[in-house]
Amino acid sequence: GKFVMWLSFALFHLALAVAALFLLWCYQVQPRQVYDWLVA
């Protein structure tokens, strides 16, 4: 159960990261814009 919990945690967040990177690529957002947004 602990192994499945941490595996699902990792896979869920990996899927979120891939989806976020795909959306950033689709909307042609530059890395500097993301950095400025995080600083803001």
Full PDB file with SEQRES, HELIX, SHEET, SSBOND, CRYST1, ORIGX, SCALE, CONECT and MASTER records, all heavy atoms in Angstrom:
SEQRES   1 A   40  GLY LYS PHE VAL MET TRP LEU SER PHE ALA LEU PHE HIS          
SEQRES   2 A   40  LEU ALA LEU ALA VAL ALA ALA LEU PHE LEU LEU TRP CYS          
SEQRES   3 A   40  TYR GLN VAL GLN PRO ARG GLN VAL TYR ASP TRP LEU VAL          
SEQRES   4 A   40  ALA                                                          
HELIX    1 AA1 LYS A    2  CYS A   26  1                                  25    
HELIX    2 AA2 PRO A   31  VAL A   39  1                                   9    
CRYST1    1.000    1.000    1.000  90.00  90.00  90.00 P 1           1          
ORIGX1      1.000000  0.000000  0.000000        0.00000                         
ORIGX2      0.000000  1.000000  0.000000        0.00000                         
ORIGX3      0.000000  0.000000  1.000000        0.00000                         
SCALE1      1.000000  0.000000  0.000000        0.00000                         
SCALE2      0.000000  1.000000  0.000000        0.00000                         
SCALE3      0.000000  0.000000  1.000000        0.00000                         
ATOM      1  N   GLY A   1       0.813  -1.211   0.000  1.00  0.00           N  
ATOM      2  CA  GLY A   1       0.000   0.000   0.000  1.00  0.00           C  
ATOM      3  C   GLY A   1       0.844   1.256   0.000  1.00  0.00           C  
ATOM      4  O   GLY A   1       0.551   2.214  -0.710  1.00  0.00           O  
ATOM      5  N   LYS A   2       1.908   1.280   0.785  1.00  0.00           N  
ATOM      6  CA  LYS A   2       2.803   2.456   0.795  1.00  0.00           C  
ATOM      7  C   LYS A   2       3.500   2.633  -0.551  1.00  0.00           C  
ATOM      8  O   LYS A   2       3.644   3.750  -1.046  1.00  0.00           O  
ATOM      9  CB  LYS A   2       3.833   2.326   1.900  1.00  0.00           C  
ATOM     10  CG  LYS A   2       3.279   2.608   3.257  1.00  0.00           C  
ATOM     11  CD  LYS A   2       4.378   3.103   4.155  1.00  0.00           C  
ATOM     12  CE  LYS A   2       3.841   3.396   5.514  1.00  0.00           C  
ATOM     13  NZ  LYS A   2       3.229   4.684   5.616  1.00  0.00           N  
ATOM     14  N   PHE A   3       3.933   1.521  -1.140  1.00  0.00           N  
ATOM     15  CA  PHE A   3       4.595   1.601  -2.441  1.00  0.00           C  
ATOM     16  C   PHE A   3       3.638   2.144  -3.500  1.00  0.00           C  
ATOM     17  O   PHE A   3       3.994   3.031  -4.275  1.00  0.00           O  
ATOM     18  CB  PHE A   3       5.112   0.218  -2.860  1.00  0.00           C  
ATOM     19  CG  PHE A   3       5.688   0.196  -4.238  1.00  0.00           C  
ATOM     20  CD1 PHE A   3       6.923   0.753  -4.496  1.00  0.00           C  
ATOM     21  CD2 PHE A   3       4.973  -0.357  -5.285  1.00  0.00           C  
ATOM     22  CE1 PHE A   3       7.460   0.749  -5.777  1.00  0.00           C  
ATOM     23  CE2 PHE A   3       5.496  -0.365  -6.565  1.00  0.00           C  
ATOM     24  CZ  PHE A   3       6.734   0.193  -6.817  1.00  0.00           C  
ATOM     25  N   VAL A   4       2.409   1.635  -3.519  1.00  0.00           N  
ATOM     26  CA  VAL A   4       1.423   2.093  -4.501  1.00  0.00           C  
ATOM     27  C   VAL A   4       1.084   3.562  -4.254  1.00  0.00           C  
ATOM     28  O   VAL A   4       0.887   4.332  -5.197  1.00  0.00           O  
ATOM     29  CB  VAL A   4       0.169   1.201  -4.458  1.00  0.00           C  
ATOM     30  CG1 VAL A   4      -0.964   1.782  -5.282  1.00  0.00           C  
ATOM     31  CG2 VAL A   4       0.511  -0.200  -4.944  1.00  0.00           C  
ATOM     32  N   MET A   5       1.027   3.967  -2.980  1.00  0.00           N  
ATOM     33  CA  MET A   5       0.726   5.364  -2.661  1.00  0.00           C  
ATOM     34  C   MET A   5       1.788   6.297  -3.256  1.00  0.00           C  
ATOM     35  O   MET A   5       1.465   7.276  -3.926  1.00  0.00           O  
ATOM     36  CB  MET A   5       0.647   5.567  -1.159  1.00  0.00           C  
ATOM     37  CG  MET A   5       0.412   7.007  -0.768  1.00  0.00           C  
ATOM     38  SD  MET A   5       0.478   7.321   0.983  1.00  0.00           S  
ATOM     39  CE  MET A   5       2.164   6.940   1.363  1.00  0.00           C  
ATOM     40  N   TRP A   6       3.058   6.003  -3.007  1.00  0.00           N  
ATOM     41  CA  TRP A   6       4.113   6.887  -3.501  1.00  0.00           C  
ATOM     42  C   TRP A   6       4.266   6.790  -5.011  1.00  0.00           C  
ATOM     43  O   TRP A   6       4.598   7.779  -5.675  1.00  0.00           O  
ATOM     44  CB  TRP A   6       5.432   6.604  -2.796  1.00  0.00           C  
ATOM     45  CG  TRP A   6       5.392   7.060  -1.384  1.00  0.00           C  
ATOM     46  CD1 TRP A   6       5.450   6.295  -0.267  1.00  0.00           C  
ATOM     47  CD2 TRP A   6       5.228   8.404  -0.921  1.00  0.00           C  
ATOM     48  NE1 TRP A   6       5.340   7.078   0.851  1.00  0.00           N  
ATOM     49  CE2 TRP A   6       5.200   8.366   0.487  1.00  0.00           C  
ATOM     50  CE3 TRP A   6       5.094   9.626  -1.551  1.00  0.00           C  
ATOM     51  CZ2 TRP A   6       5.057   9.512   1.254  1.00  0.00           C  
ATOM     52  CZ3 TRP A   6       4.950  10.768  -0.782  1.00  0.00           C  
ATOM     53  CH2 TRP A   6       4.936  10.692   0.599  1.00  0.00           C  
ATOM     54  N   LEU A   7       3.996   5.614  -5.574  1.00  0.00           N  
ATOM     55  CA  LEU A   7       4.036   5.482  -7.027  1.00  0.00           C  
ATOM     56  C   LEU A   7       2.934   6.311  -7.671  1.00  0.00           C  
ATOM     57  O   LEU A   7       3.170   7.016  -8.660  1.00  0.00           O  
ATOM     58  CB  LEU A   7       3.911   4.007  -7.431  1.00  0.00           C  
ATOM     59  CG  LEU A   7       3.962   3.713  -8.913  1.00  0.00           C  
ATOM     60  CD1 LEU A   7       5.345   4.058  -9.463  1.00  0.00           C  
ATOM     61  CD2 LEU A   7       3.636   2.251  -9.175  1.00  0.00           C  
ATOM     62  N   SER A   8       1.730   6.249  -7.119  1.00  0.00           N  
ATOM     63  CA  SER A   8       0.640   7.051  -7.681  1.00  0.00           C  
ATOM     64  C   SER A   8       0.901   8.550  -7.488  1.00  0.00           C  
ATOM     65  O   SER A   8       0.571   9.353  -8.355  1.00  0.00           O  
ATOM     66  CB  SER A   8      -0.695   6.647  -7.063  1.00  0.00           C  
ATOM     67  OG  SER A   8      -0.709   6.935  -5.700  1.00  0.00           O  
ATOM     68  N   PHE A   9       1.506   8.920  -6.353  1.00  0.00           N  
ATOM     69  CA  PHE A   9       1.872  10.321  -6.116  1.00  0.00           C  
ATOM     70  C   PHE A   9       2.835  10.799  -7.203  1.00  0.00           C  
ATOM     71  O   PHE A   9       2.640  11.866  -7.792  1.00  0.00           O  
ATOM     72  CB  PHE A   9       2.519  10.439  -4.732  1.00  0.00           C  
ATOM     73  CG  PHE A   9       2.893  11.832  -4.342  1.00  0.00           C  
ATOM     74  CD1 PHE A   9       1.961  12.675  -3.781  1.00  0.00           C  
ATOM     75  CD2 PHE A   9       4.183  12.296  -4.512  1.00  0.00           C  
ATOM     76  CE1 PHE A   9       2.297  13.971  -3.400  1.00  0.00           C  
ATOM     77  CE2 PHE A   9       4.537  13.574  -4.139  1.00  0.00           C  
ATOM     78  CZ  PHE A   9       3.587  14.414  -3.579  1.00  0.00           C  
ATOM     79  N   ALA A  10       3.852   9.991  -7.478  1.00  0.00           N  
ATOM     80  CA  ALA A  10       4.847  10.384  -8.485  1.00  0.00           C  
ATOM     81  C   ALA A  10       4.234  10.437  -9.880  1.00  0.00           C  
ATOM     82  O   ALA A  10       4.465  11.389 -10.632  1.00  0.00           O  
ATOM     83  CB  ALA A  10       6.020   9.413  -8.450  1.00  0.00           C  
ATOM     84  N   LEU A  11       3.453   9.441 -10.232  1.00  0.00           N  
ATOM     85  CA  LEU A  11       2.870   9.415 -11.577  1.00  0.00           C  
ATOM     86  C   LEU A  11       1.848  10.523 -11.782  1.00  0.00           C  
ATOM     87  O   LEU A  11       1.773  11.109 -12.863  1.00  0.00           O  
ATOM     88  CB  LEU A  11       2.240   8.045 -11.844  1.00  0.00           C  
ATOM     89  CG  LEU A  11       3.221   6.893 -11.990  1.00  0.00           C  
ATOM     90  CD1 LEU A  11       2.468   5.581 -12.172  1.00  0.00           C  
ATOM     91  CD2 LEU A  11       4.180   7.131 -13.129  1.00  0.00           C  
ATOM     92  N   PHE A  12       1.057  10.820 -10.766  1.00  0.00           N  
ATOM     93  CA  PHE A  12       0.078  11.898 -10.868  1.00  0.00           C  
ATOM     94  C   PHE A  12       0.769  13.233 -11.109  1.00  0.00           C  
ATOM     95  O   PHE A  12       0.380  14.007 -11.991  1.00  0.00           O  
ATOM     96  CB  PHE A  12      -0.770  11.950  -9.595  1.00  0.00           C  
ATOM     97  CG  PHE A  12      -1.701  13.115  -9.529  1.00  0.00           C  
ATOM     98  CD1 PHE A  12      -2.826  13.162 -10.326  1.00  0.00           C  
ATOM     99  CD2 PHE A  12      -1.454  14.173  -8.675  1.00  0.00           C  
ATOM    100  CE1 PHE A  12      -3.693  14.236 -10.271  1.00  0.00           C  
ATOM    101  CE2 PHE A  12      -2.311  15.256  -8.604  1.00  0.00           C  
ATOM    102  CZ  PHE A  12      -3.431  15.285  -9.408  1.00  0.00           C  
ATOM    103  N   HIS A  13       1.833  13.501 -10.350  1.00  0.00           N  
ATOM    104  CA  HIS A  13       2.515  14.774 -10.508  1.00  0.00           C  
ATOM    105  C   HIS A  13       3.357  14.822 -11.776  1.00  0.00           C  
ATOM    106  O   HIS A  13       3.550  15.898 -12.353  1.00  0.00           O  
ATOM    107  CB  HIS A  13       3.330  15.083  -9.258  1.00  0.00           C  
ATOM    108  CG  HIS A  13       2.445  15.418  -8.109  1.00  0.00           C  
ATOM    109  ND1 HIS A  13       1.926  14.473  -7.272  1.00  0.00           N  
ATOM    110  CD2 HIS A  13       1.939  16.606  -7.695  1.00  0.00           C  
ATOM    111  CE1 HIS A  13       1.158  15.058  -6.385  1.00  0.00           C  
ATOM    112  NE2 HIS A  13       1.144  16.356  -6.614  1.00  0.00           N  
ATOM    113  N   LEU A  14       3.837  13.686 -12.226  1.00  0.00           N  
ATOM    114  CA  LEU A  14       4.523  13.649 -13.519  1.00  0.00           C  
ATOM    115  C   LEU A  14       3.539  13.965 -14.643  1.00  0.00           C  
ATOM    116  O   LEU A  14       3.869  14.722 -15.566  1.00  0.00           O  
ATOM    117  CB  LEU A  14       5.157  12.278 -13.737  1.00  0.00           C  
ATOM    118  CG  LEU A  14       5.906  12.086 -15.046  1.00  0.00           C  
ATOM    119  CD1 LEU A  14       7.113  13.019 -15.112  1.00  0.00           C  
ATOM    120  CD2 LEU A  14       6.357  10.649 -15.190  1.00  0.00           C  
ATOM    121  N   ALA A  15       2.332  13.413 -14.556  1.00  0.00           N  
ATOM    122  CA  ALA A  15       1.311  13.714 -15.565  1.00  0.00           C  
ATOM    123  C   ALA A  15       0.941  15.190 -15.538  1.00  0.00           C  
ATOM    124  O   ALA A  15       0.743  15.815 -16.598  1.00  0.00           O  
ATOM    125  CB  ALA A  15       0.082  12.841 -15.333  1.00  0.00           C  
ATOM    126  N   LEU A  16       0.840  15.784 -14.339  1.00  0.00           N  
ATOM    127  CA  LEU A  16       0.561  17.221 -14.250  1.00  0.00           C  
ATOM    128  C   LEU A  16       1.679  18.050 -14.887  1.00  0.00           C  
ATOM    129  O   LEU A  16       1.412  19.035 -15.579  1.00  0.00           O  
ATOM    130  CB  LEU A  16       0.384  17.638 -12.794  1.00  0.00           C  
ATOM    131  CG  LEU A  16      -0.913  17.259 -12.109  1.00  0.00           C  
ATOM    132  CD1 LEU A  16      -0.895  17.744 -10.667  1.00  0.00           C  
ATOM    133  CD2 LEU A  16      -2.108  17.829 -12.833  1.00  0.00           C  
ATOM    134  N   ALA A  17       2.918  17.652 -14.649  1.00  0.00           N  
ATOM    135  CA  ALA A  17       4.054  18.386 -15.225  1.00  0.00           C  
ATOM    136  C   ALA A  17       4.063  18.272 -16.743  1.00  0.00           C  
ATOM    137  O   ALA A  17       4.302  19.267 -17.446  1.00  0.00           O  
ATOM    138  CB  ALA A  17       5.362  17.856 -14.641  1.00  0.00           C  
ATOM    139  N   VAL A  18       3.794  17.085 -17.264  1.00  0.00           N  
ATOM    140  CA  VAL A  18       3.756  16.910 -18.724  1.00  0.00           C  
ATOM    141  C   VAL A  18       2.628  17.732 -19.326  1.00  0.00           C  
ATOM    142  O   VAL A  18       2.811  18.382 -20.367  1.00  0.00           O  
ATOM    143  CB  VAL A  18       3.628  15.412 -19.082  1.00  0.00           C  
ATOM    144  CG1 VAL A  18       3.295  15.217 -20.542  1.00  0.00           C  
ATOM    145  CG2 VAL A  18       4.905  14.678 -18.728  1.00  0.00           C  
ATOM    146  N   ALA A  19       1.450  17.723 -18.685  1.00  0.00           N  
ATOM    147  CA  ALA A  19       0.331  18.522 -19.193  1.00  0.00           C  
ATOM    148  C   ALA A  19       0.662  20.014 -19.165  1.00  0.00           C  
ATOM    149  O   ALA A  19       0.350  20.750 -20.104  1.00  0.00           O  
ATOM    150  CB  ALA A  19      -0.923  18.229 -18.377  1.00  0.00           C  
ATOM    151  N   ALA A  20       1.309  20.471 -18.090  1.00  0.00           N  
ATOM    152  CA  ALA A  20       1.679  21.883 -17.996  1.00  0.00           C  
ATOM    153  C   ALA A  20       2.696  22.264 -19.070  1.00  0.00           C  
ATOM    154  O   ALA A  20       2.557  23.309 -19.719  1.00  0.00           O  
ATOM    155  CB  ALA A  20       2.238  22.188 -16.616  1.00  0.00           C  
ATOM    156  N   LEU A  21       3.692  21.414 -19.258  1.00  0.00           N  
ATOM    157  CA  LEU A  21       4.683  21.700 -20.304  1.00  0.00           C  
ATOM    158  C   LEU A  21       4.054  21.678 -21.687  1.00  0.00           C  
ATOM    159  O   LEU A  21       4.398  22.502 -22.550  1.00  0.00           O  
ATOM    160  CB  LEU A  21       5.831  20.707 -20.225  1.00  0.00           C  
ATOM    161  CG  LEU A  21       6.772  20.895 -19.050  1.00  0.00           C  
ATOM    162  CD1 LEU A  21       7.786  19.765 -18.991  1.00  0.00           C  
ATOM    163  CD2 LEU A  21       7.473  22.233 -19.152  1.00  0.00           C  
ATOM    164  N   PHE A  22       3.121  20.772 -21.925  1.00  0.00           N  
ATOM    165  CA  PHE A  22       2.444  20.720 -23.217  1.00  0.00           C  
ATOM    166  C   PHE A  22       1.627  21.979 -23.460  1.00  0.00           C  
ATOM    167  O   PHE A  22       1.647  22.550 -24.556  1.00  0.00           O  
ATOM    168  CB  PHE A  22       1.559  19.470 -23.303  1.00  0.00           C  
ATOM    169  CG  PHE A  22       0.809  19.362 -24.588  1.00  0.00           C  
ATOM    170  CD1 PHE A  22       1.471  19.033 -25.769  1.00  0.00           C  
ATOM    171  CD2 PHE A  22      -0.553  19.608 -24.640  1.00  0.00           C  
ATOM    172  CE1 PHE A  22       0.791  18.936 -26.966  1.00  0.00           C  
ATOM    173  CE2 PHE A  22      -1.246  19.519 -25.831  1.00  0.00           C  
ATOM    174  CZ  PHE A  22      -0.572  19.178 -26.998  1.00  0.00           C  
ATOM    175  N   LEU A  23       0.906  22.435 -22.431  1.00  0.00           N  
ATOM    176  CA  LEU A  23       0.122  23.658 -22.589  1.00  0.00           C  
ATOM    177  C   LEU A  23       1.015  24.879 -22.788  1.00  0.00           C  
ATOM    178  O   LEU A  23       0.691  25.762 -23.590  1.00  0.00           O  
ATOM    179  CB  LEU A  23      -0.787  23.853 -21.384  1.00  0.00           C  
ATOM    180  CG  LEU A  23      -1.972  22.888 -21.294  1.00  0.00           C  
ATOM    181  CD1 LEU A  23      -2.715  23.085 -19.989  1.00  0.00           C  
ATOM    182  CD2 LEU A  23      -2.903  23.078 -22.479  1.00  0.00           C  
ATOM    183  N   LEU A  24       2.131  24.928 -22.071  1.00  0.00           N  
ATOM    184  CA  LEU A  24       3.068  26.031 -22.280  1.00  0.00           C  
ATOM    185  C   LEU A  24       3.613  26.019 -23.700  1.00  0.00           C  
ATOM    186  O   LEU A  24       3.792  27.070 -24.323  1.00  0.00           O  
ATOM    187  CB  LEU A  24       4.207  25.959 -21.270  1.00  0.00           C  
ATOM    188  CG  LEU A  24       3.842  26.284 -19.820  1.00  0.00           C  
ATOM    189  CD1 LEU A  24       5.022  25.996 -18.913  1.00  0.00           C  
ATOM    190  CD2 LEU A  24       3.397  27.723 -19.697  1.00  0.00           C  
ATOM    191  N   TRP A  25       3.863  24.819 -24.226  1.00  0.00           N  
ATOM    192  CA  TRP A  25       4.365  24.708 -25.598  1.00  0.00           C  
ATOM    193  C   TRP A  25       3.283  25.096 -26.596  1.00  0.00           C  
ATOM    194  O   TRP A  25       3.560  25.793 -27.575  1.00  0.00           O  
ATOM    195  CB  TRP A  25       4.838  23.278 -25.849  1.00  0.00           C  
ATOM    196  CG  TRP A  25       5.283  23.033 -27.240  1.00  0.00           C  
ATOM    197  CD1 TRP A  25       6.437  23.442 -27.832  1.00  0.00           C  
ATOM    198  CD2 TRP A  25       4.556  22.331 -28.252  1.00  0.00           C  
ATOM    199  NE1 TRP A  25       6.480  23.026 -29.137  1.00  0.00           N  
ATOM    200  CE2 TRP A  25       5.331  22.335 -29.417  1.00  0.00           C  
ATOM    201  CE3 TRP A  25       3.328  21.684 -28.259  1.00  0.00           C  
ATOM    202  CZ2 TRP A  25       4.909  21.722 -30.580  1.00  0.00           C  
ATOM    203  CZ3 TRP A  25       2.913  21.074 -29.423  1.00  0.00           C  
ATOM    204  CH2 TRP A  25       3.707  21.104 -30.569  1.00  0.00           C  
ATOM    205  N   CYS A  26       2.042  24.658 -26.358  1.00  0.00           N  
ATOM    206  CA  CYS A  26       0.945  24.984 -27.277  1.00  0.00           C  
ATOM    207  C   CYS A  26       0.703  26.488 -27.355  1.00  0.00           C  
ATOM    208  O   CYS A  26       0.437  27.013 -28.437  1.00  0.00           O  
ATOM    209  CB  CYS A  26      -0.343  24.290 -26.834  1.00  0.00           C  
ATOM    210  SG  CYS A  26      -0.398  22.551 -27.222  1.00  0.00           S  
ATOM    211  N   TYR A  27       0.756  27.158 -26.216  1.00  0.00           N  
ATOM    212  CA  TYR A  27       0.514  28.592 -26.197  1.00  0.00           C  
ATOM    213  C   TYR A  27       1.787  29.406 -26.403  1.00  0.00           C  
ATOM    214  O   TYR A  27       1.759  30.630 -26.281  1.00  0.00           O  
ATOM    215  CB  TYR A  27      -0.175  28.995 -24.888  1.00  0.00           C  
ATOM    216  CG  TYR A  27      -1.603  28.527 -24.837  1.00  0.00           C  
ATOM    217  CD1 TYR A  27      -1.971  27.460 -24.037  1.00  0.00           C  
ATOM    218  CD2 TYR A  27      -2.584  29.126 -25.615  1.00  0.00           C  
ATOM    219  CE1 TYR A  27      -3.282  27.016 -23.992  1.00  0.00           C  
ATOM    220  CE2 TYR A  27      -3.888  28.702 -25.583  1.00  0.00           C  
ATOM    221  CZ  TYR A  27      -4.231  27.635 -24.764  1.00  0.00           C  
ATOM    222  OH  TYR A  27      -5.528  27.203 -24.724  1.00  0.00           O  
ATOM    223  N   GLN A  28       2.895  28.748 -26.688  1.00  0.00           N  
ATOM    224  CA  GLN A  28       4.181  29.372 -27.000  1.00  0.00           C  
ATOM    225  C   GLN A  28       4.610  30.373 -25.914  1.00  0.00           C  
ATOM    226  O   GLN A  28       4.985  31.505 -26.206  1.00  0.00           O  
ATOM    227  CB  GLN A  28       4.131  30.039 -28.362  1.00  0.00           C  
ATOM    228  CG  GLN A  28       3.882  29.053 -29.479  1.00  0.00           C  
ATOM    229  CD  GLN A  28       3.785  29.712 -30.831  1.00  0.00           C  
ATOM    230  OE1 GLN A  28       3.788  30.925 -30.944  1.00  0.00           O  
ATOM    231  NE2 GLN A  28       3.701  28.892 -31.860  1.00  0.00           N  
ATOM    232  N   VAL A  29       4.540  29.920 -24.685  1.00  0.00           N  
ATOM    233  CA  VAL A  29       4.959  30.743 -23.554  1.00  0.00           C  
ATOM    234  C   VAL A  29       6.469  30.578 -23.385  1.00  0.00           C  
ATOM    235  O   VAL A  29       6.981  29.458 -23.329  1.00  0.00           O  
ATOM    236  CB  VAL A  29       4.223  30.308 -22.264  1.00  0.00           C  
ATOM    237  CG1 VAL A  29       4.703  31.111 -21.074  1.00  0.00           C  
ATOM    238  CG2 VAL A  29       2.724  30.451 -22.445  1.00  0.00           C  
ATOM    239  N   GLN A  30       7.152  31.682 -23.310  1.00  0.00           N  
ATOM    240  CA  GLN A  30       8.604  31.662 -23.168  1.00  0.00           C  
ATOM    241  C   GLN A  30       8.992  31.406 -21.709  1.00  0.00           C  
ATOM    242  O   GLN A  30       8.262  31.786 -20.795  1.00  0.00           O  
ATOM    243  CB  GLN A  30       9.198  32.995 -23.627  1.00  0.00           C  
ATOM    244  CG  GLN A  30       8.943  33.295 -25.092  1.00  0.00           C  
ATOM    245  CD  GLN A  30       9.564  32.246 -26.000  1.00  0.00           C  
ATOM    246  OE1 GLN A  30      10.673  31.785 -25.756  1.00  0.00           O  
ATOM    247  NE2 GLN A  30       8.833  31.858 -27.034  1.00  0.00           N  
ATOM    248  N   PRO A  31      10.137  30.759 -21.479  1.00  0.00           N  
ATOM    249  CA  PRO A  31      10.569  30.501 -20.097  1.00  0.00           C  
ATOM    250  C   PRO A  31      10.709  31.775 -19.260  1.00  0.00           C  
ATOM    251  O   PRO A  31      10.448  31.770 -18.057  1.00  0.00           O  
ATOM    252  CB  PRO A  31      11.918  29.809 -20.269  1.00  0.00           C  
ATOM    253  CG  PRO A  31      11.870  29.201 -21.621  1.00  0.00           C  
ATOM    254  CD  PRO A  31      11.013  30.108 -22.438  1.00  0.00           C  
ATOM    255  N   ARG A  32      11.091  32.857 -19.879  1.00  0.00           N  
ATOM    256  CA  ARG A  32      11.231  34.118 -19.140  1.00  0.00           C  
ATOM    257  C   ARG A  32       9.882  34.599 -18.621  1.00  0.00           C  
ATOM    258  O   ARG A  32       9.800  35.171 -17.534  1.00  0.00           O  
ATOM    259  CB  ARG A  32      11.883  35.172 -20.051  1.00  0.00           C  
ATOM    260  CG  ARG A  32      12.135  36.484 -19.377  1.00  0.00           C  
ATOM    261  CD  ARG A  32      13.179  36.332 -18.315  1.00  0.00           C  
ATOM    262  NE  ARG A  32      13.307  37.582 -17.576  1.00  0.00           N  
ATOM    263  CZ  ARG A  32      14.179  37.778 -16.643  1.00  0.00           C  
ATOM    264  NH1 ARG A  32      15.021  36.828 -16.336  1.00  0.00           N  
ATOM    265  NH2 ARG A  32      14.235  38.918 -16.009  1.00  0.00           N  
ATOM    266  N   GLN A  33       8.814  34.376 -19.389  1.00  0.00           N  
ATOM    267  CA  GLN A  33       7.482  34.764 -18.932  1.00  0.00           C  
ATOM    268  C   GLN A  33       7.068  33.951 -17.704  1.00  0.00           C  
ATOM    269  O   GLN A  33       6.470  34.492 -16.773  1.00  0.00           O  
ATOM    270  CB  GLN A  33       6.458  34.562 -20.048  1.00  0.00           C  
ATOM    271  CG  GLN A  33       6.612  35.516 -21.209  1.00  0.00           C  
ATOM    272  CD  GLN A  33       5.686  35.140 -22.346  1.00  0.00           C  
ATOM    273  OE1 GLN A  33       5.731  34.017 -22.838  1.00  0.00           O  
ATOM    274  NE2 GLN A  33       4.851  36.076 -22.744  1.00  0.00           N  
ATOM    275  N   VAL A  34       7.382  32.670 -17.701  1.00  0.00           N  
ATOM    276  CA  VAL A  34       7.070  31.819 -16.552  1.00  0.00           C  
ATOM    277  C   VAL A  34       7.857  32.286 -15.337  1.00  0.00           C  
ATOM    278  O   VAL A  34       7.314  32.389 -14.227  1.00  0.00           O  
ATOM    279  CB  VAL A  34       7.367  30.338 -16.871  1.00  0.00           C  
ATOM    280  CG1 VAL A  34       7.151  29.458 -15.649  1.00  0.00           C  
ATOM    281  CG2 VAL A  34       6.513  29.861 -18.032  1.00  0.00           C  
ATOM    282  N   TYR A  35       9.122  32.592 -15.538  1.00  0.00           N  
ATOM    283  CA  TYR A  35       9.961  33.079 -14.442  1.00  0.00           C  
ATOM    284  C   TYR A  35       9.416  34.389 -13.874  1.00  0.00           C  
ATOM    285  O   TYR A  35       9.317  34.553 -12.654  1.00  0.00           O  
ATOM    286  CB  TYR A  35      11.398  33.260 -14.931  1.00  0.00           C  
ATOM    287  CG  TYR A  35      12.295  33.897 -13.915  1.00  0.00           C  
ATOM    288  CD1 TYR A  35      12.795  33.168 -12.850  1.00  0.00           C  
ATOM    289  CD2 TYR A  35      12.643  35.243 -14.011  1.00  0.00           C  
ATOM    290  CE1 TYR A  35      13.615  33.746 -11.907  1.00  0.00           C  
ATOM    291  CE2 TYR A  35      13.452  35.838 -13.084  1.00  0.00           C  
ATOM    292  CZ  TYR A  35      13.942  35.088 -12.030  1.00  0.00           C  
ATOM    293  OH  TYR A  35      14.750  35.675 -11.101  1.00  0.00           O  
ATOM    294  N   ASP A  36       9.054  35.307 -14.745  1.00  0.00           N  
ATOM    295  CA  ASP A  36       8.502  36.589 -14.282  1.00  0.00           C  
ATOM    296  C   ASP A  36       7.194  36.386 -13.520  1.00  0.00           C  
ATOM    297  O   ASP A  36       6.931  37.068 -12.529  1.00  0.00           O  
ATOM    298  CB  ASP A  36       8.276  37.528 -15.464  1.00  0.00           C  
ATOM    299  CG  ASP A  36       9.580  37.993 -16.088  1.00  0.00           C  
ATOM    300  OD1 ASP A  36      10.636  37.910 -15.411  1.00  0.00           O  
ATOM    301  OD2 ASP A  36       9.551  38.423 -17.258  1.00  0.00           O  
ATOM    302  N   TRP A  37       6.372  35.440 -13.965  1.00  0.00           N  
ATOM    303  CA  TRP A  37       5.116  35.154 -13.290  1.00  0.00           C  
ATOM    304  C   TRP A  37       5.368  34.589 -11.893  1.00  0.00           C  
ATOM    305  O   TRP A  37       4.703  34.970 -10.932  1.00  0.00           O  
ATOM    306  CB  TRP A  37       4.302  34.186 -14.145  1.00  0.00           C  
ATOM    307  CG  TRP A  37       2.990  33.806 -13.558  1.00  0.00           C  
ATOM    308  CD1 TRP A  37       1.897  34.603 -13.408  1.00  0.00           C  
ATOM    309  CD2 TRP A  37       2.647  32.536 -13.029  1.00  0.00           C  
ATOM    310  NE1 TRP A  37       0.888  33.893 -12.814  1.00  0.00           N  
ATOM    311  CE2 TRP A  37       1.315  32.615 -12.582  1.00  0.00           C  
ATOM    312  CE3 TRP A  37       3.319  31.333 -12.902  1.00  0.00           C  
ATOM    313  CZ2 TRP A  37       0.667  31.545 -12.007  1.00  0.00           C  
ATOM    314  CZ3 TRP A  37       2.663  30.264 -12.339  1.00  0.00           C  
ATOM    315  CH2 TRP A  37       1.350  30.379 -11.893  1.00  0.00           C  
ATOM    316  N   LEU A  38       6.342  33.681 -11.778  1.00  0.00           N  
ATOM    317  CA  LEU A  38       6.668  33.113 -10.473  1.00  0.00           C  
ATOM    318  C   LEU A  38       7.246  34.159  -9.524  1.00  0.00           C  
ATOM    319  O   LEU A  38       6.945  34.162  -8.325  1.00  0.00           O  
ATOM    320  CB  LEU A  38       7.637  31.937 -10.628  1.00  0.00           C  
ATOM    321  CG  LEU A  38       7.056  30.686 -11.292  1.00  0.00           C  
ATOM    322  CD1 LEU A  38       8.156  29.675 -11.542  1.00  0.00           C  
ATOM    323  CD2 LEU A  38       5.956  30.095 -10.448  1.00  0.00           C  
ATOM    324  N   VAL A  39       8.060  35.060 -10.045  1.00  0.00           N  
ATOM    325  CA  VAL A  39       8.598  36.138  -9.220  1.00  0.00           C  
ATOM    326  C   VAL A  39       7.475  37.070  -8.770  1.00  0.00           C  
ATOM    327  O   VAL A  39       7.461  37.525  -7.625  1.00  0.00           O  
ATOM    328  CB  VAL A  39       9.697  36.908  -9.977  1.00  0.00           C  
ATOM    329  CG1 VAL A  39      10.074  38.189  -9.269  1.00  0.00           C  
ATOM    330  CG2 VAL A  39      10.911  36.022 -10.160  1.00  0.00           C  
ATOM    331  N   ALA A  40       6.524  37.336  -9.647  1.00  0.00           N  
ATOM    332  CA  ALA A  40       5.400  38.199  -9.292  1.00  0.00           C  
ATOM    333  C   ALA A  40       4.558  37.565  -8.182  1.00  0.00           C  
ATOM    334  O   ALA A  40       4.071  38.269  -7.293  1.00  0.00           O  
ATOM    335  CB  ALA A  40       4.540  38.474 -10.517  1.00  0.00           C  
TER     336      ALA A  40                                                      
MASTER        0    0    0    2    0    0    0    6  335    1    0    4          
END                                                                             
